[in-house]
């Protein structure tokens, strides 16, 4: 597989309770590009993203991240161990529409926690990295507050900072603005536009047509029968 490919999805299919959600899906994402996926609700877009970081396992097909196949240790011809899978999943960031912040942790702690537990960083190093990413999304001034005090747009910016802190090769965005009031959408899209300008590889499920047109290198229009 060419080194320029960040994500490769080949003939991926997925069913839930005998309902086919994905059928023979193919998608290629080049490094440093933004691919936006638009389509009706319930058409399987979010399921595809969840397969791309193994939150859901496809029934058929292959997904490669940076040339490495998810779920399969191809050298040994067997399923990946939990450790192997965790290692490759570190390379894929995910931003959810529901933020998924820990309410009992401060903003800074929400960003630094994975650095401590997953990356094994020392606390001072993790805190410094957290502040760096919070600065990038314009949330450093809220480092010591708890999520309950934040607006939806602010929560989503913290969630983006948390993903960035792990230094992912690709970031998946699952409807990142759908849970926001209209007046808060632009602050999140502004952060995402800045990330695109910096060359981050992004796959974005969205209803924001203007964002997709302005920022994306490729726009995929998704139909239920595809």
C-alpha atoms as a PDB file:
ATOM      1  CA  UNK A   1       0.000   0.000   0.000  1.00  0.00           C
ATOM      2  CA  UNK A   2       1.416   3.465  -0.886  1.00  0.00           C
ATOM      3  CA  UNK A   3       2.853   5.402   2.055  1.00  0.00           C
ATOM      4  CA  UNK A   4       0.639   8.348   1.098  1.00  0.00           C
ATOM      5  CA  UNK A   5      -2.486   6.451   2.216  1.00  0.00           C
ATOM      6  CA  UNK A   6      -3.631   7.188   5.777  1.00  0.00           C
ATOM      7  CA  UNK A   7      -6.802   5.077   5.754  1.00  0.00           C
ATOM      8  CA  UNK A   8      -7.981   2.350   3.409  1.00  0.00           C
ATOM      9  CA  UNK A   9     -11.435   0.765   3.653  1.00  0.00           C
ATOM     10  CA  UNK A  10     -11.969  -2.248   1.387  1.00  0.00           C
ATOM     11  CA  UNK A  11     -15.319  -3.979   0.839  1.00  0.00           C
ATOM     12  CA  UNK A  12     -16.486  -3.383   4.411  1.00  0.00           C
ATOM     13  CA  UNK A  13     -19.905  -4.721   5.398  1.00  0.00           C
ATOM     14  CA  UNK A  14     -21.719  -4.652   8.736  1.00  0.00           C
ATOM     15  CA  UNK A  15     -25.078  -5.917  10.007  1.00  0.00           C
ATOM     16  CA  UNK A  16     -27.000  -5.330  13.220  1.00  0.00           C
ATOM     17  CA  UNK A  17     -29.760  -7.844  14.002  1.00  0.00           C
ATOM     18  CA  UNK A  18     -29.890  -8.962  10.356  1.00  0.00           C
ATOM     19  CA  UNK A  19     -30.221  -5.351   9.168  1.00  0.00           C
ATOM     20  CA  UNK A  20     -27.488  -4.472   6.692  1.00  0.00           C
ATOM     21  CA  UNK A  21     -25.973  -1.126   7.668  1.00  0.00           C
ATOM     22  CA  UNK A  22     -22.849  -1.190   5.493  1.00  0.00           C
ATOM     23  CA  UNK A  23     -22.439  -3.105   2.249  1.00  0.00           C
ATOM     24  CA  UNK A  24     -19.129  -3.405   0.398  1.00  0.00           C
ATOM     25  CA  UNK A  25     -17.923   0.074   1.356  1.00  0.00           C
ATOM     26  CA  UNK A  26     -14.664   1.323  -0.157  1.00  0.00           C
ATOM     27  CA  UNK A  27     -12.886   4.521   0.846  1.00  0.00           C
ATOM     28  CA  UNK A  28      -9.326   5.802   0.562  1.00  0.00           C
ATOM     29  CA  UNK A  29      -8.031   8.764   2.573  1.00  0.00           C
ATOM     30  CA  UNK A  30      -4.708  10.335   1.632  1.00  0.00           C
ATOM     31  CA  UNK A  31      -2.430  11.698   4.342  1.00  0.00           C
ATOM     32  CA  UNK A  32      -2.959  15.397   5.012  1.00  0.00           C
ATOM     33  CA  UNK A  33      -6.398  15.523   3.413  1.00  0.00           C
ATOM     34  CA  UNK A  34      -9.942  16.093   4.657  1.00  0.00           C
ATOM     35  CA  UNK A  35     -12.731  13.761   3.546  1.00  0.00           C
ATOM     36  CA  UNK A  36     -16.269  14.789   4.476  1.00  0.00           C
ATOM     37  CA  UNK A  37     -19.143  12.311   4.407  1.00  0.00           C
ATOM     38  CA  UNK A  38     -22.642  13.726   4.011  1.00  0.00           C
ATOM     39  CA  UNK A  39     -25.914  11.837   3.938  1.00  0.00           C
ATOM     40  CA  UNK A  40     -29.193  11.106   5.646  1.00  0.00           C
ATOM     41  CA  UNK A  41     -29.422  10.037   9.276  1.00  0.00           C
ATOM     42  CA  UNK A  42     -29.353   6.290   9.842  1.00  0.00           C
ATOM     43  CA  UNK A  43     -27.487   5.550   6.615  1.00  0.00           C
ATOM     44  CA  UNK A  44     -24.446   3.995   8.309  1.00  0.00           C
ATOM     45  CA  UNK A  45     -22.003   6.909   8.264  1.00  0.00           C
ATOM     46  CA  UNK A  46     -21.297   6.797  11.996  1.00  0.00           C
ATOM     47  CA  UNK A  47     -21.025   3.009  11.903  1.00  0.00           C
ATOM     48  CA  UNK A  48     -18.288   3.323   9.296  1.00  0.00           C
ATOM     49  CA  UNK A  49     -16.328   5.693  11.544  1.00  0.00           C
ATOM     50  CA  UNK A  50     -16.710   3.322  14.476  1.00  0.00           C
ATOM     51  CA  UNK A  51     -15.379   0.490  12.320  1.00  0.00           C
ATOM     52  CA  UNK A  52     -12.409   2.664  11.360  1.00  0.00           C
ATOM     53  CA  UNK A  53     -11.211   2.723  14.970  1.00  0.00           C
ATOM     54  CA  UNK A  54     -12.569  -0.741  15.873  1.00  0.00           C
ATOM     55  CA  UNK A  55     -15.310   0.425  18.222  1.00  0.00           C
ATOM     56  CA  UNK A  56     -17.348  -1.798  15.907  1.00  0.00           C
ATOM     57  CA  UNK A  57     -15.897  -4.775  14.066  1.00  0.00           C
ATOM     58  CA  UNK A  58     -16.970  -5.172  10.439  1.00  0.00           C
ATOM     59  CA  UNK A  59     -18.484  -8.497   9.425  1.00  0.00           C
ATOM     60  CA  UNK A  60     -16.493  -8.522   6.192  1.00  0.00           C
ATOM     61  CA  UNK A  61     -13.777  -6.490   4.533  1.00  0.00           C
ATOM     62  CA  UNK A  62     -10.530  -4.855   5.573  1.00  0.00           C
ATOM     63  CA  UNK A  63      -9.529  -1.553   7.162  1.00  0.00           C
ATOM     64  CA  UNK A  64      -5.921  -0.377   7.095  1.00  0.00           C
ATOM     65  CA  UNK A  65      -4.457   2.503   9.114  1.00  0.00           C
ATOM     66  CA  UNK A  66      -1.143   3.697   7.732  1.00  0.00           C
ATOM     67  CA  UNK A  67      -0.732   0.403   5.904  1.00  0.00           C
ATOM     68  CA  UNK A  68      -1.446  -1.775   8.948  1.00  0.00           C
ATOM     69  CA  UNK A  69      -4.596  -3.881   8.935  1.00  0.00           C
ATOM     70  CA  UNK A  70      -6.929  -3.365  11.871  1.00  0.00           C
ATOM     71  CA  UNK A  71      -7.789  -6.447  13.882  1.00  0.00           C
ATOM     72  CA  UNK A  72      -5.448  -8.891  12.129  1.00  0.00           C
ATOM     73  CA  UNK A  73      -1.808  -9.676  12.848  1.00  0.00           C
ATOM     74  CA  UNK A  74      -0.895 -10.451   9.246  1.00  0.00           C
ATOM     75  CA  UNK A  75       2.612 -11.671  10.112  1.00  0.00           C
ATOM     76  CA  UNK A  76       1.237 -14.382  12.397  1.00  0.00           C
ATOM     77  CA  UNK A  77      -2.017 -14.930  10.536  1.00  0.00           C
ATOM     78  CA  UNK A  78      -4.237 -14.464  13.582  1.00  0.00           C
ATOM     79  CA  UNK A  79      -6.331 -11.868  15.392  1.00  0.00           C
ATOM     80  CA  UNK A  80      -4.462  -8.976  16.963  1.00  0.00           C
ATOM     81  CA  UNK A  81      -3.830  -9.138  20.691  1.00  0.00           C
ATOM     82  CA  UNK A  82      -5.470  -6.498  22.888  1.00  0.00           C
ATOM     83  CA  UNK A  83      -2.092  -4.800  23.228  1.00  0.00           C
ATOM     84  CA  UNK A  84      -1.513  -4.709  19.463  1.00  0.00           C
ATOM     85  CA  UNK A  85      -5.002  -3.383  18.842  1.00  0.00           C
ATOM     86  CA  UNK A  86      -4.648  -0.697  21.515  1.00  0.00           C
ATOM     87  CA  UNK A  87      -1.374   0.414  19.947  1.00  0.00           C
ATOM     88  CA  UNK A  88      -2.838   0.895  16.497  1.00  0.00           C
ATOM     89  CA  UNK A  89      -5.983   2.553  17.870  1.00  0.00           C
ATOM     90  CA  UNK A  90      -3.787   5.185  19.508  1.00  0.00           C
ATOM     91  CA  UNK A  91      -3.083   6.363  15.969  1.00  0.00           C
ATOM     92  CA  UNK A  92      -6.758   7.144  15.339  1.00  0.00           C
ATOM     93  CA  UNK A  93      -8.405  10.015  17.205  1.00  0.00           C
ATOM     94  CA  UNK A  94     -12.179  10.269  17.512  1.00  0.00           C
ATOM     95  CA  UNK A  95     -14.396  13.239  18.308  1.00  0.00           C
ATOM     96  CA  UNK A  96     -17.993  12.326  19.170  1.00  0.00           C
ATOM     97  CA  UNK A  97     -21.115  14.449  18.829  1.00  0.00           C
ATOM     98  CA  UNK A  98     -21.864  13.972  22.545  1.00  0.00           C
ATOM     99  CA  UNK A  99     -18.413  15.214  23.712  1.00  0.00           C
ATOM    100  CA  UNK A 100     -17.799  12.284  26.138  1.00  0.00           C
ATOM    101  CA  UNK A 101     -15.987  14.407  28.719  1.00  0.00           C
ATOM    102  CA  UNK A 102     -15.549  13.142  32.276  1.00  0.00           C
ATOM    103  CA  UNK A 103     -17.703  15.390  34.506  1.00  0.00           C
ATOM    104  CA  UNK A 104     -15.584  14.815  37.628  1.00  0.00           C
ATOM    105  CA  UNK A 105     -12.355  15.990  35.963  1.00  0.00           C
ATOM    106  CA  UNK A 106     -11.300  19.514  35.078  1.00  0.00           C
ATOM    107  CA  UNK A 107     -10.816  20.557  31.472  1.00  0.00           C
ATOM    108  CA  UNK A 108      -7.058  20.073  31.737  1.00  0.00           C
ATOM    109  CA  UNK A 109      -7.474  16.683  33.403  1.00  0.00           C
ATOM    110  CA  UNK A 110      -9.855  15.554  30.655  1.00  0.00           C
ATOM    111  CA  UNK A 111      -7.112  16.199  28.120  1.00  0.00           C
ATOM    112  CA  UNK A 112      -4.181  14.865  30.148  1.00  0.00           C
ATOM    113  CA  UNK A 113      -5.794  11.673  31.507  1.00  0.00           C
ATOM    114  CA  UNK A 114      -5.189   9.540  28.410  1.00  0.00           C
ATOM    115  CA  UNK A 115      -1.619  10.814  28.198  1.00  0.00           C
ATOM    116  CA  UNK A 116      -1.043   9.529  31.725  1.00  0.00           C
ATOM    117  CA  UNK A 117      -2.862   6.218  31.385  1.00  0.00           C
ATOM    118  CA  UNK A 118      -2.252   5.286  27.748  1.00  0.00           C
ATOM    119  CA  UNK A 119       0.979   7.050  26.802  1.00  0.00           C
ATOM    120  CA  UNK A 120       2.540   6.650  30.248  1.00  0.00           C
ATOM    121  CA  UNK A 121       3.704  10.261  30.398  1.00  0.00           C
ATOM    122  CA  UNK A 122       4.859  11.887  33.587  1.00  0.00           C
ATOM    123  CA  UNK A 123       2.252  14.233  35.029  1.00  0.00           C
ATOM    124  CA  UNK A 124       4.196  17.438  34.361  1.00  0.00           C
ATOM    125  CA  UNK A 125       4.746  16.419  30.747  1.00  0.00           C
ATOM    126  CA  UNK A 126       1.101  15.417  30.294  1.00  0.00           C
ATOM    127  CA  UNK A 127      -0.138  18.669  31.806  1.00  0.00           C
ATOM    128  CA  UNK A 128       2.141  20.691  29.529  1.00  0.00           C
ATOM    129  CA  UNK A 129       0.885  18.808  26.467  1.00  0.00           C
ATOM    130  CA  UNK A 130      -2.718  19.301  27.591  1.00  0.00           C
ATOM    131  CA  UNK A 131      -2.217  23.047  27.942  1.00  0.00           C
ATOM    132  CA  UNK A 132      -0.557  23.225  24.538  1.00  0.00           C
ATOM    133  CA  UNK A 133      -3.551  21.592  22.859  1.00  0.00           C
ATOM    134  CA  UNK A 134      -6.073  23.615  24.857  1.00  0.00           C
ATOM    135  CA  UNK A 135      -4.264  26.740  23.678  1.00  0.00           C
ATOM    136  CA  UNK A 136      -4.603  25.543  20.091  1.00  0.00           C
ATOM    137  CA  UNK A 137      -8.401  25.284  20.373  1.00  0.00           C
ATOM    138  CA  UNK A 138      -8.779  28.482  22.399  1.00  0.00           C
ATOM    139  CA  UNK A 139      -9.653  26.819  25.703  1.00  0.00           C
ATOM    140  CA  UNK A 140      -6.517  27.269  27.830  1.00  0.00           C
ATOM    141  CA  UNK A 141      -8.291  29.897  29.937  1.00  0.00           C
ATOM    142  CA  UNK A 142     -10.817  27.222  31.017  1.00  0.00           C
ATOM    143  CA  UNK A 143      -8.210  24.638  32.064  1.00  0.00           C
ATOM    144  CA  UNK A 144      -9.231  24.529  35.728  1.00  0.00           C
ATOM    145  CA  UNK A 145     -13.015  24.479  35.378  1.00  0.00           C
ATOM    146  CA  UNK A 146     -15.336  21.472  35.126  1.00  0.00           C
ATOM    147  CA  UNK A 147     -17.291  20.520  31.987  1.00  0.00           C
ATOM    148  CA  UNK A 148     -20.648  21.369  33.564  1.00  0.00           C
ATOM    149  CA  UNK A 149     -19.719  25.063  33.387  1.00  0.00           C
ATOM    150  CA  UNK A 150     -18.983  24.995  29.640  1.00  0.00           C
ATOM    151  CA  UNK A 151     -21.170  25.637  26.622  1.00  0.00           C
ATOM    152  CA  UNK A 152     -21.617  22.879  24.065  1.00  0.00           C
ATOM    153  CA  UNK A 153     -19.150  24.521  21.708  1.00  0.00           C
ATOM    154  CA  UNK A 154     -16.563  24.791  24.456  1.00  0.00           C
ATOM    155  CA  UNK A 155     -17.039  21.138  25.409  1.00  0.00           C
ATOM    156  CA  UNK A 156     -16.493  20.078  21.816  1.00  0.00           C
ATOM    157  CA  UNK A 157     -13.317  22.147  21.568  1.00  0.00           C
ATOM    158  CA  UNK A 158     -12.018  20.401  24.699  1.00  0.00           C
ATOM    159  CA  UNK A 159     -12.875  17.049  23.107  1.00  0.00           C
ATOM    160  CA  UNK A 160     -10.881  18.052  20.021  1.00  0.00           C
ATOM    161  CA  UNK A 161      -7.927  19.059  22.218  1.00  0.00           C
ATOM    162  CA  UNK A 162      -8.107  15.676  23.948  1.00  0.00           C
ATOM    163  CA  UNK A 163      -7.861  13.926  20.588  1.00  0.00           C
ATOM    164  CA  UNK A 164      -5.003  16.141  19.387  1.00  0.00           C
ATOM    165  CA  UNK A 165      -2.998  15.471  22.550  1.00  0.00           C
ATOM    166  CA  UNK A 166      -2.608  11.814  21.536  1.00  0.00           C
ATOM    167  CA  UNK A 167      -0.845  12.868  18.296  1.00  0.00           C
ATOM    168  CA  UNK A 168      -3.102  10.780  16.045  1.00  0.00           C
ATOM    169  CA  UNK A 169      -2.322  10.048  12.404  1.00  0.00           C
ATOM    170  CA  UNK A 170      -5.974  10.588  11.510  1.00  0.00           C
ATOM    171  CA  UNK A 171      -8.897  12.182  13.364  1.00  0.00           C
ATOM    172  CA  UNK A 172     -12.469  10.945  12.917  1.00  0.00           C
ATOM    173  CA  UNK A 173     -15.253  13.452  13.575  1.00  0.00           C
ATOM    174  CA  UNK A 174     -18.733  11.998  14.087  1.00  0.00           C
ATOM    175  CA  UNK A 175     -21.285  14.800  13.589  1.00  0.00           C
ATOM    176  CA  UNK A 176     -19.189  17.178  15.741  1.00  0.00           C
ATOM    177  CA  UNK A 177     -21.696  20.046  15.530  1.00  0.00           C
ATOM    178  CA  UNK A 178     -25.049  18.227  15.527  1.00  0.00           C
ATOM    179  CA  UNK A 179     -25.556  18.557  19.300  1.00  0.00           C
ATOM    180  CA  UNK A 180     -24.780  22.290  19.306  1.00  0.00           C
ATOM    181  CA  UNK A 181     -27.034  25.322  19.206  1.00  0.00           C
ATOM    182  CA  UNK A 182     -26.717  27.123  15.842  1.00  0.00           C
ATOM    183  CA  UNK A 183     -24.798  30.050  17.313  1.00  0.00           C
ATOM    184  CA  UNK A 184     -22.107  27.680  18.653  1.00  0.00           C
ATOM    185  CA  UNK A 185     -21.502  25.725  15.453  1.00  0.00           C
ATOM    186  CA  UNK A 186     -19.064  28.196  13.904  1.00  0.00           C
ATOM    187  CA  UNK A 187     -16.656  28.158  16.845  1.00  0.00           C
ATOM    188  CA  UNK A 188     -16.158  24.398  16.423  1.00  0.00           C
ATOM    189  CA  UNK A 189     -15.996  24.564  12.630  1.00  0.00           C
ATOM    190  CA  UNK A 190     -13.405  27.335  12.974  1.00  0.00           C
ATOM    191  CA  UNK A 191     -11.143  25.028  14.981  1.00  0.00           C
ATOM    192  CA  UNK A 192     -11.595  22.243  12.435  1.00  0.00           C
ATOM    193  CA  UNK A 193     -10.780  24.593   9.552  1.00  0.00           C
ATOM    194  CA  UNK A 194      -7.571  25.595  11.327  1.00  0.00           C
ATOM    195  CA  UNK A 195      -6.618  21.933  11.776  1.00  0.00           C
ATOM    196  CA  UNK A 196      -7.258  21.280   8.085  1.00  0.00           C
ATOM    197  CA  UNK A 197      -5.017  24.224   7.196  1.00  0.00           C
ATOM    198  CA  UNK A 198      -2.263  22.683   9.361  1.00  0.00           C
ATOM    199  CA  UNK A 199      -2.441  19.470   7.339  1.00  0.00           C
ATOM    200  CA  UNK A 200      -4.217  17.126   9.751  1.00  0.00           C
ATOM    201  CA  UNK A 201      -5.780  14.048   8.160  1.00  0.00           C
ATOM    202  CA  UNK A 202      -9.496  14.165   8.947  1.00  0.00           C
ATOM    203  CA  UNK A 203     -12.595  12.121   8.139  1.00  0.00           C
ATOM    204  CA  UNK A 204     -15.699  14.119   8.985  1.00  0.00           C
ATOM    205  CA  UNK A 205     -19.299  12.924   9.099  1.00  0.00           C
ATOM    206  CA  UNK A 206     -21.296  16.140   8.944  1.00  0.00           C
ATOM    207  CA  UNK A 207     -24.427  17.915   7.726  1.00  0.00           C
ATOM    208  CA  UNK A 208     -22.489  21.172   7.284  1.00  0.00           C
ATOM    209  CA  UNK A 209     -22.406  21.527   3.491  1.00  0.00           C
ATOM    210  CA  UNK A 210     -20.550  24.861   3.539  1.00  0.00           C
ATOM    211  CA  UNK A 211     -17.804  23.422   5.746  1.00  0.00           C
ATOM    212  CA  UNK A 212     -17.488  20.393   3.487  1.00  0.00           C
ATOM    213  CA  UNK A 213     -17.214  22.584   0.388  1.00  0.00           C
ATOM    214  CA  UNK A 214     -14.696  25.004   1.888  1.00  0.00           C
ATOM    215  CA  UNK A 215     -12.361  22.586   3.653  1.00  0.00           C
ATOM    216  CA  UNK A 216     -12.632  19.107   2.149  1.00  0.00           C
ATOM    217  CA  UNK A 217     -10.363  17.601  -0.452  1.00  0.00           C
ATOM    218  CA  UNK A 218     -13.112  15.076  -1.140  1.00  0.00           C
ATOM    219  CA  UNK A 219     -16.828  15.025  -0.338  1.00  0.00           C
ATOM    220  CA  UNK A 220     -18.670  11.693  -0.227  1.00  0.00           C
ATOM    221  CA  UNK A 221     -22.455  11.792  -0.589  1.00  0.00           C
ATOM    222  CA  UNK A 222     -23.841   8.773   1.231  1.00  0.00           C
ATOM    223  CA  UNK A 223     -27.034   6.972   0.258  1.00  0.00           C
ATOM    224  CA  UNK A 224     -28.833   4.363   2.333  1.00  0.00           C
ATOM    225  CA  UNK A 225     -28.735   1.832  -0.493  1.00  0.00           C
ATOM    226  CA  UNK A 226     -24.999   2.191  -1.142  1.00  0.00           C
END
